Amino acid sequence: MPRLVLYVEGPADRGILRGWAYRLLPALAGSLLEGSVILGGRRPARALAHFRALGGAAGGARALCVLDRDDGEGVGLPDAEPGLEIFTWSRRHIESYLLVPEALGRALGRADGRGQLVRLLREHLPADGNEEAWRAVDAKRLLGPGGLLPRALGRPIDLARVARMTQAAELHPDVHSLFGRVQDALQEPGAEP
């Protein structure tokens, strides 16, 4: 049994986290998410039940449940459970942290579409530093299948590739905070990815 269990909402979230892990924890990136558990949406109660079935903290397990904020922070979160931490993004979705023009441009890999990409992002994104406005951005509608950016660019956007192409200095403090928690959990006695 892995000593650190990561609970994620879906496979796309796992791919994004793996991409960021290659930037922030490169030595562990390959194995860090192997034992992750996909919850099938924002279902922290399911993470709690699974963690308890593993024996919880008494059984030596540690876990981190990574959730989108969606429309309300803290809605439906279970009571505190020793060994299980809940991390909720301050922005609406994990995809919100992929809306970095430079990283998107690198991930797309073609210069001809970058001008259009920058224009679209300027039209649909708040100014840097306006976190209140960023909290309301529906990044899934911008980046997801059938979203504004894939339609305008004429092709899907590989979100895991965007995550891999994002430089550490371009990552939002929330991303650094999450990986700080992962690193702290892994440094505890008996913890392993």
N, C-alpha and C. Protein backbone atom coordinates (compact mmCIF):
# COMPACT_ATOMS: atom_id res chain seq x y z
N MET A 1 0.85 -1.18 0.00
CA MET A 1 0.00 0.00 0.00
C MET A 1 0.89 1.24 0.00
N PRO A 2 0.60 2.22 -0.88
CA PRO A 2 1.39 3.44 -0.86
C PRO A 2 1.19 4.19 0.45
N ARG A 3 2.23 4.83 0.92
CA ARG A 3 2.15 5.55 2.18
C ARG A 3 1.52 6.92 2.00
N LEU A 4 1.55 7.47 0.79
CA LEU A 4 0.86 8.73 0.50
C LEU A 4 -0.10 8.47 -0.63
N VAL A 5 -1.38 8.64 -0.35
CA VAL A 5 -2.41 8.45 -1.36
C VAL A 5 -2.89 9.83 -1.80
N LEU A 6 -2.89 10.06 -3.10
CA LEU A 6 -3.43 11.30 -3.65
C LEU A 6 -4.80 11.00 -4.26
N TYR A 7 -5.80 11.73 -3.81
CA TYR A 7 -7.15 11.61 -4.36
C TYR A 7 -7.36 12.78 -5.31
N VAL A 8 -7.78 12.46 -6.53
CA VAL A 8 -8.01 13.49 -7.54
C VAL A 8 -9.40 13.29 -8.14
N GLU A 9 -9.94 14.37 -8.68
CA GLU A 9 -11.30 14.29 -9.20
C GLU A 9 -11.41 13.45 -10.47
N GLY A 10 -10.41 13.50 -11.34
CA GLY A 10 -10.51 12.76 -12.59
C GLY A 10 -9.15 12.54 -13.23
N PRO A 11 -9.14 11.77 -14.33
CA PRO A 11 -7.88 11.47 -15.02
C PRO A 11 -7.18 12.73 -15.55
N ALA A 12 -7.94 13.71 -16.01
CA ALA A 12 -7.31 14.95 -16.50
C ALA A 12 -6.57 15.65 -15.37
N ASP A 13 -7.15 15.67 -14.18
CA ASP A 13 -6.49 16.28 -13.02
C ASP A 13 -5.18 15.55 -12.72
N ARG A 14 -5.22 14.23 -12.77
CA ARG A 14 -4.00 13.45 -12.52
C ARG A 14 -2.93 13.80 -13.54
N GLY A 15 -3.30 13.93 -14.80
CA GLY A 15 -2.33 14.29 -15.84
C GLY A 15 -1.73 15.66 -15.63
N ILE A 16 -2.56 16.62 -15.21
CA ILE A 16 -2.08 17.97 -14.94
C ILE A 16 -1.11 17.94 -13.76
N LEU A 17 -1.49 17.27 -12.69
CA LEU A 17 -0.62 17.19 -11.52
C LEU A 17 0.71 16.50 -11.85
N ARG A 18 0.66 15.48 -12.68
CA ARG A 18 1.89 14.79 -13.07
C ARG A 18 2.79 15.75 -13.85
N GLY A 19 2.22 16.54 -14.75
CA GLY A 19 3.01 17.52 -15.50
C GLY A 19 3.69 18.52 -14.59
N TRP A 20 2.96 19.03 -13.61
CA TRP A 20 3.56 19.98 -12.66
C TRP A 20 4.60 19.30 -11.79
N ALA A 21 4.36 18.04 -11.44
CA ALA A 21 5.32 17.31 -10.60
C ALA A 21 6.67 17.22 -11.30
N TYR A 22 6.69 17.08 -12.62
CA TYR A 22 7.96 17.03 -13.35
C TYR A 22 8.73 18.34 -13.21
N ARG A 23 8.03 19.44 -12.98
CA ARG A 23 8.69 20.73 -12.76
C ARG A 23 9.10 20.93 -11.31
N LEU A 24 8.27 20.49 -10.37
CA LEU A 24 8.48 20.83 -8.97
C LEU A 24 9.10 19.72 -8.13
N LEU A 25 8.84 18.48 -8.47
CA LEU A 25 9.40 17.33 -7.74
C LEU A 25 9.89 16.29 -8.75
N PRO A 26 10.85 16.66 -9.60
CA PRO A 26 11.21 15.78 -10.72
C PRO A 26 11.65 14.37 -10.32
N ALA A 27 12.30 14.22 -9.20
CA ALA A 27 12.76 12.89 -8.78
C ALA A 27 11.60 11.96 -8.44
N LEU A 28 10.47 12.54 -8.06
CA LEU A 28 9.32 11.73 -7.64
C LEU A 28 8.19 11.70 -8.66
N ALA A 29 8.30 12.50 -9.71
CA ALA A 29 7.17 12.69 -10.63
C ALA A 29 6.67 11.39 -11.24
N GLY A 30 7.57 10.49 -11.59
CA GLY A 30 7.15 9.25 -12.22
C GLY A 30 6.30 8.36 -11.33
N SER A 31 6.59 8.37 -10.04
CA SER A 31 5.89 7.46 -9.13
C SER A 31 4.83 8.14 -8.27
N LEU A 32 4.89 9.44 -8.17
CA LEU A 32 4.03 10.17 -7.23
C LEU A 32 2.54 9.89 -7.43
N LEU A 33 2.10 9.82 -8.66
CA LEU A 33 0.67 9.67 -8.92
C LEU A 33 0.26 8.26 -9.33
N GLU A 34 1.18 7.30 -9.27
CA GLU A 34 0.83 5.92 -9.62
C GLU A 34 -0.27 5.36 -8.74
N GLY A 35 -0.23 5.66 -7.47
CA GLY A 35 -1.23 5.14 -6.55
C GLY A 35 -2.39 6.08 -6.32
N SER A 36 -2.54 7.08 -7.20
CA SER A 36 -3.63 8.03 -7.00
C SER A 36 -4.98 7.36 -7.22
N VAL A 37 -5.98 7.91 -6.57
CA VAL A 37 -7.33 7.38 -6.67
C VAL A 37 -8.21 8.44 -7.32
N ILE A 38 -8.88 8.06 -8.40
CA ILE A 38 -9.78 8.97 -9.11
C ILE A 38 -11.15 8.88 -8.45
N LEU A 39 -11.65 10.03 -8.03
CA LEU A 39 -12.91 10.08 -7.30
C LEU A 39 -14.14 10.15 -8.20
N GLY A 40 -13.97 10.50 -9.46
CA GLY A 40 -15.13 10.63 -10.34
C GLY A 40 -15.91 11.91 -10.07
N GLY A 41 -15.19 13.00 -9.84
CA GLY A 41 -15.81 14.29 -9.53
C GLY A 41 -15.44 14.75 -8.14
N ARG A 42 -16.07 15.82 -7.74
CA ARG A 42 -15.78 16.42 -6.42
C ARG A 42 -16.51 15.61 -5.35
N ARG A 43 -15.85 14.54 -4.88
CA ARG A 43 -16.48 13.60 -3.95
C ARG A 43 -15.56 13.31 -2.77
N PRO A 44 -15.35 14.29 -1.90
CA PRO A 44 -14.44 14.08 -0.78
C PRO A 44 -14.91 12.99 0.18
N ALA A 45 -16.20 12.75 0.29
CA ALA A 45 -16.68 11.68 1.17
C ALA A 45 -16.19 10.32 0.67
N ARG A 46 -16.09 10.18 -0.65
CA ARG A 46 -15.57 8.94 -1.21
C ARG A 46 -14.09 8.76 -0.84
N ALA A 47 -13.32 9.87 -0.86
CA ALA A 47 -11.92 9.80 -0.46
C ALA A 47 -11.81 9.38 1.00
N LEU A 48 -12.65 9.95 1.84
CA LEU A 48 -12.64 9.62 3.27
C LEU A 48 -12.93 8.13 3.48
N ALA A 49 -13.95 7.62 2.81
CA ALA A 49 -14.32 6.21 2.95
C ALA A 49 -13.16 5.30 2.49
N HIS A 50 -12.55 5.64 1.38
CA HIS A 50 -11.43 4.85 0.87
C HIS A 50 -10.25 4.89 1.83
N PHE A 51 -9.94 6.09 2.34
CA PHE A 51 -8.83 6.25 3.27
C PHE A 51 -9.05 5.41 4.54
N ARG A 52 -10.27 5.44 5.04
CA ARG A 52 -10.58 4.63 6.22
C ARG A 52 -10.47 3.15 5.91
N ALA A 53 -10.87 2.74 4.72
CA ALA A 53 -10.78 1.33 4.33
C ALA A 53 -9.31 0.87 4.25
N LEU A 54 -8.41 1.81 3.97
CA LEU A 54 -6.97 1.49 3.95
C LEU A 54 -6.38 1.37 5.35
N GLY A 55 -7.18 1.76 6.35
CA GLY A 55 -6.69 1.74 7.73
C GLY A 55 -6.37 3.13 8.26
N GLY A 56 -6.47 4.12 7.39
CA GLY A 56 -6.26 5.50 7.80
C GLY A 56 -4.90 5.74 8.41
N ALA A 57 -4.81 6.80 9.20
CA ALA A 57 -3.55 7.17 9.84
C ALA A 57 -3.07 6.08 10.79
N ALA A 58 -4.00 5.39 11.43
CA ALA A 58 -3.62 4.31 12.36
C ALA A 58 -2.89 3.19 11.62
N GLY A 59 -3.22 3.01 10.35
CA GLY A 59 -2.55 2.01 9.52
C GLY A 59 -1.29 2.53 8.86
N GLY A 60 -0.90 3.75 9.18
CA GLY A 60 0.32 4.33 8.65
C GLY A 60 0.15 5.10 7.35
N ALA A 61 -1.07 5.25 6.88
CA ALA A 61 -1.30 5.95 5.62
C ALA A 61 -1.40 7.46 5.83
N ARG A 62 -1.04 8.18 4.80
CA ARG A 62 -1.24 9.63 4.71
C ARG A 62 -1.94 9.85 3.39
N ALA A 63 -2.77 10.87 3.32
CA ALA A 63 -3.49 11.12 2.08
C ALA A 63 -3.73 12.61 1.89
N LEU A 64 -3.83 12.98 0.64
CA LEU A 64 -4.12 14.35 0.25
C LEU A 64 -5.19 14.30 -0.83
N CYS A 65 -6.31 14.95 -0.57
CA CYS A 65 -7.44 14.98 -1.50
C CYS A 65 -7.45 16.36 -2.16
N VAL A 66 -7.27 16.40 -3.49
CA VAL A 66 -7.17 17.64 -4.25
C VAL A 66 -8.48 17.90 -4.97
N LEU A 67 -9.13 19.03 -4.61
CA LEU A 67 -10.47 19.32 -5.12
C LEU A 67 -10.55 20.67 -5.81
N ASP A 68 -11.37 20.74 -6.86
CA ASP A 68 -11.74 22.03 -7.44
C ASP A 68 -12.63 22.76 -6.45
N ARG A 69 -12.59 24.08 -6.49
CA ARG A 69 -13.48 24.87 -5.65
C ARG A 69 -14.89 24.84 -6.23
N ASP A 70 -14.98 24.76 -7.55
CA ASP A 70 -16.25 24.83 -8.26
C ASP A 70 -16.98 26.10 -7.83
N ASP A 71 -18.20 25.99 -7.35
CA ASP A 71 -18.97 27.19 -7.02
C ASP A 71 -18.99 27.53 -5.54
N GLY A 72 -18.31 26.74 -4.72
CA GLY A 72 -18.34 27.06 -3.30
C GLY A 72 -17.26 26.34 -2.53
N GLU A 73 -16.36 27.08 -1.94
CA GLU A 73 -15.27 26.47 -1.17
C GLU A 73 -15.82 25.83 0.10
N GLY A 74 -15.38 24.62 0.35
CA GLY A 74 -15.74 23.95 1.59
C GLY A 74 -17.07 23.23 1.56
N VAL A 75 -17.83 23.35 0.50
CA VAL A 75 -19.14 22.70 0.43
C VAL A 75 -18.96 21.19 0.41
N GLY A 76 -19.60 20.50 1.34
CA GLY A 76 -19.59 19.05 1.36
C GLY A 76 -18.29 18.42 1.83
N LEU A 77 -17.45 19.16 2.52
CA LEU A 77 -16.20 18.58 2.99
C LEU A 77 -16.45 17.79 4.27
N PRO A 78 -15.79 16.63 4.39
CA PRO A 78 -15.96 15.83 5.61
C PRO A 78 -15.27 16.50 6.79
N ASP A 79 -15.65 16.08 7.98
CA ASP A 79 -14.96 16.55 9.18
C ASP A 79 -13.50 16.11 9.12
N ALA A 80 -12.69 16.75 9.94
CA ALA A 80 -11.26 16.45 9.96
C ALA A 80 -11.03 14.96 10.23
N GLU A 81 -10.06 14.42 9.52
CA GLU A 81 -9.68 13.02 9.68
C GLU A 81 -8.15 12.98 9.80
N PRO A 82 -7.62 12.46 10.91
CA PRO A 82 -6.17 12.39 11.04
C PRO A 82 -5.55 11.68 9.84
N GLY A 83 -4.51 12.28 9.27
CA GLY A 83 -3.79 11.69 8.15
C GLY A 83 -4.34 12.04 6.78
N LEU A 84 -5.56 12.59 6.72
CA LEU A 84 -6.16 12.96 5.44
C LEU A 84 -6.30 14.48 5.38
N GLU A 85 -5.59 15.09 4.43
CA GLU A 85 -5.70 16.53 4.22
C GLU A 85 -6.55 16.80 2.99
N ILE A 86 -7.32 17.86 3.06
CA ILE A 86 -8.12 18.31 1.92
C ILE A 86 -7.47 19.58 1.39
N PHE A 87 -7.18 19.60 0.10
CA PHE A 87 -6.65 20.79 -0.55
C PHE A 87 -7.67 21.23 -1.59
N THR A 88 -8.17 22.45 -1.44
CA THR A 88 -9.13 23.00 -2.40
C THR A 88 -8.49 24.20 -3.08
N TRP A 89 -8.50 24.18 -4.40
CA TRP A 89 -7.94 25.29 -5.17
C TRP A 89 -8.68 26.58 -4.84
N SER A 90 -7.98 27.70 -4.81
CA SER A 90 -8.66 28.98 -4.57
C SER A 90 -9.40 29.44 -5.82
N ARG A 91 -8.92 29.03 -6.98
CA ARG A 91 -9.64 29.33 -8.22
C ARG A 91 -10.64 28.21 -8.47
N ARG A 92 -11.53 28.43 -9.43
CA ARG A 92 -12.66 27.53 -9.64
C ARG A 92 -12.27 26.09 -9.99
N HIS A 93 -11.31 25.94 -10.90
CA HIS A 93 -10.90 24.61 -11.37
C HIS A 93 -9.39 24.51 -11.43
N ILE A 94 -8.88 23.29 -11.41
CA ILE A 94 -7.45 23.07 -11.60
C ILE A 94 -7.01 23.63 -12.96
N GLU A 95 -7.88 23.54 -13.96
CA GLU A 95 -7.56 24.03 -15.30
C GLU A 95 -7.28 25.52 -15.32
N SER A 96 -7.79 26.25 -14.31
CA SER A 96 -7.56 27.70 -14.24
C SER A 96 -6.07 28.03 -14.18
N TYR A 97 -5.29 27.12 -13.63
CA TYR A 97 -3.86 27.35 -13.46
C TYR A 97 -3.07 27.02 -14.72
N LEU A 98 -3.76 26.58 -15.77
CA LEU A 98 -3.13 26.32 -17.07
C LEU A 98 -3.27 27.51 -18.01
N LEU A 99 -3.99 28.52 -17.61
CA LEU A 99 -4.24 29.67 -18.48
C LEU A 99 -3.05 30.64 -18.44
N VAL A 100 -1.90 30.10 -18.80
CA VAL A 100 -0.64 30.84 -18.86
C VAL A 100 -0.28 30.95 -20.33
N PRO A 101 -0.39 32.15 -20.92
CA PRO A 101 -0.18 32.27 -22.37
C PRO A 101 1.12 31.66 -22.88
N GLU A 102 2.21 31.87 -22.17
CA GLU A 102 3.49 31.35 -22.62
C GLU A 102 3.49 29.82 -22.64
N ALA A 103 2.95 29.21 -21.59
CA ALA A 103 2.90 27.75 -21.51
C ALA A 103 1.97 27.18 -22.58
N LEU A 104 0.83 27.81 -22.78
CA LEU A 104 -0.09 27.36 -23.83
C LEU A 104 0.58 27.45 -25.19
N GLY A 105 1.30 28.53 -25.42
CA GLY A 105 2.01 28.69 -26.69
C GLY A 105 3.05 27.60 -26.89
N ARG A 106 3.82 27.30 -25.85
CA ARG A 106 4.81 26.23 -25.96
C ARG A 106 4.14 24.88 -26.20
N ALA A 107 3.03 24.64 -25.52
CA ALA A 107 2.33 23.36 -25.67
C ALA A 107 1.75 23.20 -27.07
N LEU A 108 1.27 24.29 -27.64
CA LEU A 108 0.72 24.22 -28.99
C LEU A 108 1.83 24.06 -30.01
N GLY A 109 3.00 24.62 -29.71
CA GLY A 109 4.17 24.39 -30.54
C GLY A 109 4.16 25.01 -31.91
N ARG A 110 3.32 25.95 -32.15
CA ARG A 110 3.33 26.58 -33.46
C ARG A 110 3.18 28.08 -33.30
N ALA A 111 4.03 28.80 -33.96
CA ALA A 111 4.05 30.26 -33.84
C ALA A 111 2.85 30.91 -34.51
N ASP A 112 2.31 30.29 -35.56
CA ASP A 112 1.24 30.94 -36.32
C ASP A 112 -0.04 31.12 -35.52
N GLY A 113 -0.29 30.29 -34.53
CA GLY A 113 -1.51 30.41 -33.74
C GLY A 113 -1.34 31.22 -32.45
N ARG A 114 -0.12 31.62 -32.13
CA ARG A 114 0.13 32.28 -30.85
C ARG A 114 -0.50 33.66 -30.77
N GLY A 115 -0.48 34.41 -31.86
CA GLY A 115 -1.12 35.74 -31.85
C GLY A 115 -2.60 35.63 -31.56
N GLN A 116 -3.25 34.68 -32.20
CA GLN A 116 -4.68 34.45 -31.97
C GLN A 116 -4.92 34.00 -30.53
N LEU A 117 -4.06 33.13 -30.03
CA LEU A 117 -4.18 32.64 -28.66
C LEU A 117 -4.07 33.80 -27.66
N VAL A 118 -3.07 34.64 -27.83
CA VAL A 118 -2.88 35.78 -26.92
C VAL A 118 -4.08 36.70 -26.98
N ARG A 119 -4.60 36.97 -28.17
CA ARG A 119 -5.77 37.83 -28.31
C ARG A 119 -6.98 37.24 -27.59
N LEU A 120 -7.22 35.96 -27.77
CA LEU A 120 -8.35 35.31 -27.12
C LEU A 120 -8.21 35.34 -25.60
N LEU A 121 -7.01 35.08 -25.12
CA LEU A 121 -6.81 35.09 -23.68
C LEU A 121 -7.02 36.50 -23.11
N ARG A 122 -6.56 37.51 -23.81
CA ARG A 122 -6.77 38.89 -23.35
C ARG A 122 -8.26 39.23 -23.29
N GLU A 123 -9.01 38.72 -24.25
CA GLU A 123 -10.45 39.01 -24.31
C GLU A 123 -11.23 38.31 -23.20
N HIS A 124 -10.78 37.15 -22.78
CA HIS A 124 -11.58 36.31 -21.90
C HIS A 124 -11.03 36.11 -20.49
N LEU A 125 -9.87 36.68 -20.21
CA LEU A 125 -9.28 36.50 -18.89
C LEU A 125 -9.13 37.82 -18.15
N PRO A 126 -9.25 37.78 -16.84
CA PRO A 126 -9.04 38.98 -16.04
C PRO A 126 -7.57 39.39 -16.03
N ALA A 127 -7.33 40.57 -15.56
CA ALA A 127 -5.96 41.07 -15.44
C ALA A 127 -5.20 40.26 -14.40
N ASP A 128 -3.89 40.13 -14.62
CA ASP A 128 -3.05 39.49 -13.61
C ASP A 128 -3.21 40.21 -12.29
N GLY A 129 -3.25 39.46 -11.22
CA GLY A 129 -3.36 40.04 -9.89
C GLY A 129 -4.78 40.23 -9.41
N ASN A 130 -5.78 40.11 -10.29
CA ASN A 130 -7.17 40.26 -9.89
C ASN A 130 -7.72 38.88 -9.52
N GLU A 131 -7.31 38.39 -8.36
CA GLU A 131 -7.68 37.03 -7.96
C GLU A 131 -9.19 36.86 -7.78
N GLU A 132 -9.86 37.90 -7.37
CA GLU A 132 -11.32 37.79 -7.23
C GLU A 132 -11.97 37.46 -8.57
N ALA A 133 -11.54 38.12 -9.63
CA ALA A 133 -12.07 37.84 -10.97
C ALA A 133 -11.61 36.46 -11.45
N TRP A 134 -10.37 36.10 -11.15
CA TRP A 134 -9.86 34.79 -11.56
C TRP A 134 -10.67 33.66 -10.91
N ARG A 135 -11.15 33.87 -9.70
CA ARG A 135 -11.93 32.84 -9.01
C ARG A 135 -13.21 32.48 -9.77
N ALA A 136 -13.71 33.40 -10.58
CA ALA A 136 -14.95 33.17 -11.31
C ALA A 136 -14.75 32.59 -12.71
N VAL A 137 -13.52 32.56 -13.20
CA VAL A 137 -13.25 32.08 -14.56
C VAL A 137 -13.59 30.59 -14.65
N ASP A 138 -14.36 30.23 -15.67
CA ASP A 138 -14.69 28.83 -15.93
C ASP A 138 -13.70 28.29 -16.95
N ALA A 139 -12.55 27.86 -16.47
CA ALA A 139 -11.48 27.41 -17.34
C ALA A 139 -11.86 26.16 -18.14
N LYS A 140 -12.74 25.33 -17.60
CA LYS A 140 -13.16 24.14 -18.34
C LYS A 140 -13.88 24.53 -19.62
N ARG A 141 -14.65 25.61 -19.58
CA ARG A 141 -15.36 26.07 -20.78
C ARG A 141 -14.41 26.71 -21.79
N LEU A 142 -13.28 27.19 -21.32
CA LEU A 142 -12.29 27.77 -22.23
C LEU A 142 -11.38 26.72 -22.85
N LEU A 143 -10.94 25.73 -22.05
CA LEU A 143 -9.92 24.78 -22.50
C LEU A 143 -10.43 23.40 -22.87
N GLY A 144 -11.56 23.01 -22.33
CA GLY A 144 -12.05 21.65 -22.51
C GLY A 144 -12.48 21.33 -23.92
N PRO A 145 -12.80 20.05 -24.16
CA PRO A 145 -13.28 19.65 -25.48
C PRO A 145 -14.49 20.50 -25.88
N GLY A 146 -14.43 21.06 -27.05
CA GLY A 146 -15.51 21.94 -27.52
C GLY A 146 -15.45 23.32 -26.92
N GLY A 147 -14.43 23.61 -26.13
CA GLY A 147 -14.28 24.92 -25.49
C GLY A 147 -13.87 26.00 -26.47
N LEU A 148 -13.91 27.22 -26.00
CA LEU A 148 -13.61 28.38 -26.83
C LEU A 148 -12.24 28.30 -27.50
N LEU A 149 -11.19 28.02 -26.73
CA LEU A 149 -9.85 28.00 -27.31
C LEU A 149 -9.66 26.84 -28.30
N PRO A 150 -10.04 25.61 -27.99
CA PRO A 150 -9.89 24.55 -28.99
C PRO A 150 -10.68 24.83 -30.28
N ARG A 151 -11.88 25.39 -30.14
CA ARG A 151 -12.67 25.72 -31.34
C ARG A 151 -11.96 26.78 -32.17
N ALA A 152 -11.49 27.83 -31.51
CA ALA A 152 -10.83 28.93 -32.23
C ALA A 152 -9.52 28.49 -32.88
N LEU A 153 -8.80 27.58 -32.22
CA LEU A 153 -7.51 27.13 -32.75
C LEU A 153 -7.65 25.95 -33.71
N GLY A 154 -8.84 25.35 -33.73
CA GLY A 154 -9.08 24.25 -34.65
C GLY A 154 -8.50 22.91 -34.22
N ARG A 155 -8.22 22.77 -32.94
CA ARG A 155 -7.70 21.49 -32.44
C ARG A 155 -7.82 21.43 -30.92
N PRO A 156 -7.86 20.21 -30.38
CA PRO A 156 -7.94 20.08 -28.91
C PRO A 156 -6.64 20.54 -28.26
N ILE A 157 -6.74 20.87 -26.99
CA ILE A 157 -5.57 21.26 -26.22
C ILE A 157 -5.27 20.16 -25.22
N ASP A 158 -4.05 19.63 -25.27
CA ASP A 158 -3.61 18.58 -24.35
C ASP A 158 -3.25 19.25 -23.02
N LEU A 159 -4.13 19.15 -22.04
CA LEU A 159 -3.94 19.85 -20.77
C LEU A 159 -2.71 19.36 -20.01
N ALA A 160 -2.44 18.08 -20.06
CA ALA A 160 -1.24 17.55 -19.39
C ALA A 160 0.02 18.12 -20.04
N ARG A 161 -0.01 18.31 -21.34
CA ARG A 161 1.14 18.90 -22.05
C ARG A 161 1.32 20.36 -21.63
N VAL A 162 0.23 21.09 -21.50
CA VAL A 162 0.33 22.48 -21.04
C VAL A 162 0.98 22.50 -19.65
N ALA A 163 0.55 21.60 -18.77
CA ALA A 163 1.13 21.54 -17.42
C ALA A 163 2.63 21.27 -17.50
N ARG A 164 3.03 20.32 -18.36
CA ARG A 164 4.46 20.00 -18.50
C ARG A 164 5.25 21.18 -19.06
N MET A 165 4.61 21.98 -19.90
CA MET A 165 5.28 23.11 -20.54
C MET A 165 5.32 24.37 -19.67
N THR A 166 4.65 24.34 -18.53
CA THR A 166 4.64 25.50 -17.64
C THR A 166 5.90 25.48 -16.79
N GLN A 167 6.66 26.56 -16.85
CA GLN A 167 7.88 26.68 -16.06
C GLN A 167 7.52 26.89 -14.58
N ALA A 168 8.39 26.48 -13.69
CA ALA A 168 8.14 26.61 -12.25
C ALA A 168 7.83 28.06 -11.88
N ALA A 169 8.52 29.01 -12.47
CA ALA A 169 8.31 30.43 -12.15
C ALA A 169 6.96 30.93 -12.64
N GLU A 170 6.35 30.23 -13.60
CA GLU A 170 5.04 30.64 -14.13
C GLU A 170 3.88 30.05 -13.34
N LEU A 171 4.17 29.10 -12.47
CA LEU A 171 3.11 28.44 -11.71
C LEU A 171 2.59 29.34 -10.61
N HIS A 172 1.29 29.32 -10.44
CA HIS A 172 0.60 30.11 -9.42
C HIS A 172 1.03 29.64 -8.02
N PRO A 173 1.02 30.54 -7.04
CA PRO A 173 1.36 30.14 -5.67
C PRO A 173 0.52 28.97 -5.13
N ASP A 174 -0.73 28.83 -5.59
CA ASP A 174 -1.55 27.69 -5.16
C ASP A 174 -0.90 26.36 -5.54
N VAL A 175 -0.33 26.31 -6.75
CA VAL A 175 0.31 25.08 -7.22
C VAL A 175 1.54 24.78 -6.36
N HIS A 176 2.33 25.82 -6.09
CA HIS A 176 3.49 25.64 -5.23
C HIS A 176 3.06 25.19 -3.82
N SER A 177 1.98 25.74 -3.33
CA SER A 177 1.47 25.37 -2.01
C SER A 177 1.09 23.89 -1.96
N LEU A 178 0.37 23.44 -2.97
CA LEU A 178 -0.01 22.03 -3.03
C LEU A 178 1.22 21.13 -3.01
N PHE A 179 2.19 21.43 -3.85
CA PHE A 179 3.36 20.57 -3.91
C PHE A 179 4.23 20.70 -2.66
N GLY A 180 4.15 21.82 -1.98
CA GLY A 180 4.80 21.94 -0.68
C GLY A 180 4.17 20.97 0.31
N ARG A 181 2.85 20.86 0.28
CA ARG A 181 2.16 19.91 1.17
C ARG A 181 2.53 18.47 0.83
N VAL A 182 2.62 18.18 -0.48
CA VAL A 182 3.02 16.83 -0.90
C VAL A 182 4.42 16.53 -0.37
N GLN A 183 5.33 17.46 -0.57
CA GLN A 183 6.70 17.26 -0.11
C GLN A 183 6.76 17.09 1.40
N ASP A 184 6.01 17.90 2.14
CA ASP A 184 5.98 17.76 3.60
C ASP A 184 5.46 16.38 4.01
N ALA A 185 4.40 15.92 3.36
CA ALA A 185 3.83 14.62 3.69
C ALA A 185 4.82 13.50 3.40
N LEU A 186 5.58 13.65 2.33
CA LEU A 186 6.55 12.61 1.97
C LEU A 186 7.76 12.59 2.89
N GLN A 187 8.02 13.68 3.58
CA GLN A 187 9.16 13.74 4.48
C GLN A 187 8.85 13.19 5.86
N GLU A 188 7.59 12.91 6.12
CA GLU A 188 7.23 12.33 7.41
C GLU A 188 7.71 10.89 7.48
N PRO A 189 8.06 10.41 8.65
CA PRO A 189 8.55 9.02 8.77
C PRO A 189 7.56 8.03 8.18
N GLY A 190 8.08 7.11 7.40
CA GLY A 190 7.25 6.06 6.83
C GLY A 190 6.52 6.44 5.55
N ALA A 191 6.60 7.71 5.15
CA ALA A 191 5.89 8.11 3.94
C ALA A 191 6.72 7.82 2.72
N GLU A 192 6.06 7.33 1.69
CA GLU A 192 6.70 7.08 0.39
C GLU A 192 5.66 7.31 -0.67
N PRO A 193 6.11 7.69 -1.88
CA PRO A 193 5.12 7.94 -2.95
C PRO A 193 4.42 6.67 -3.37
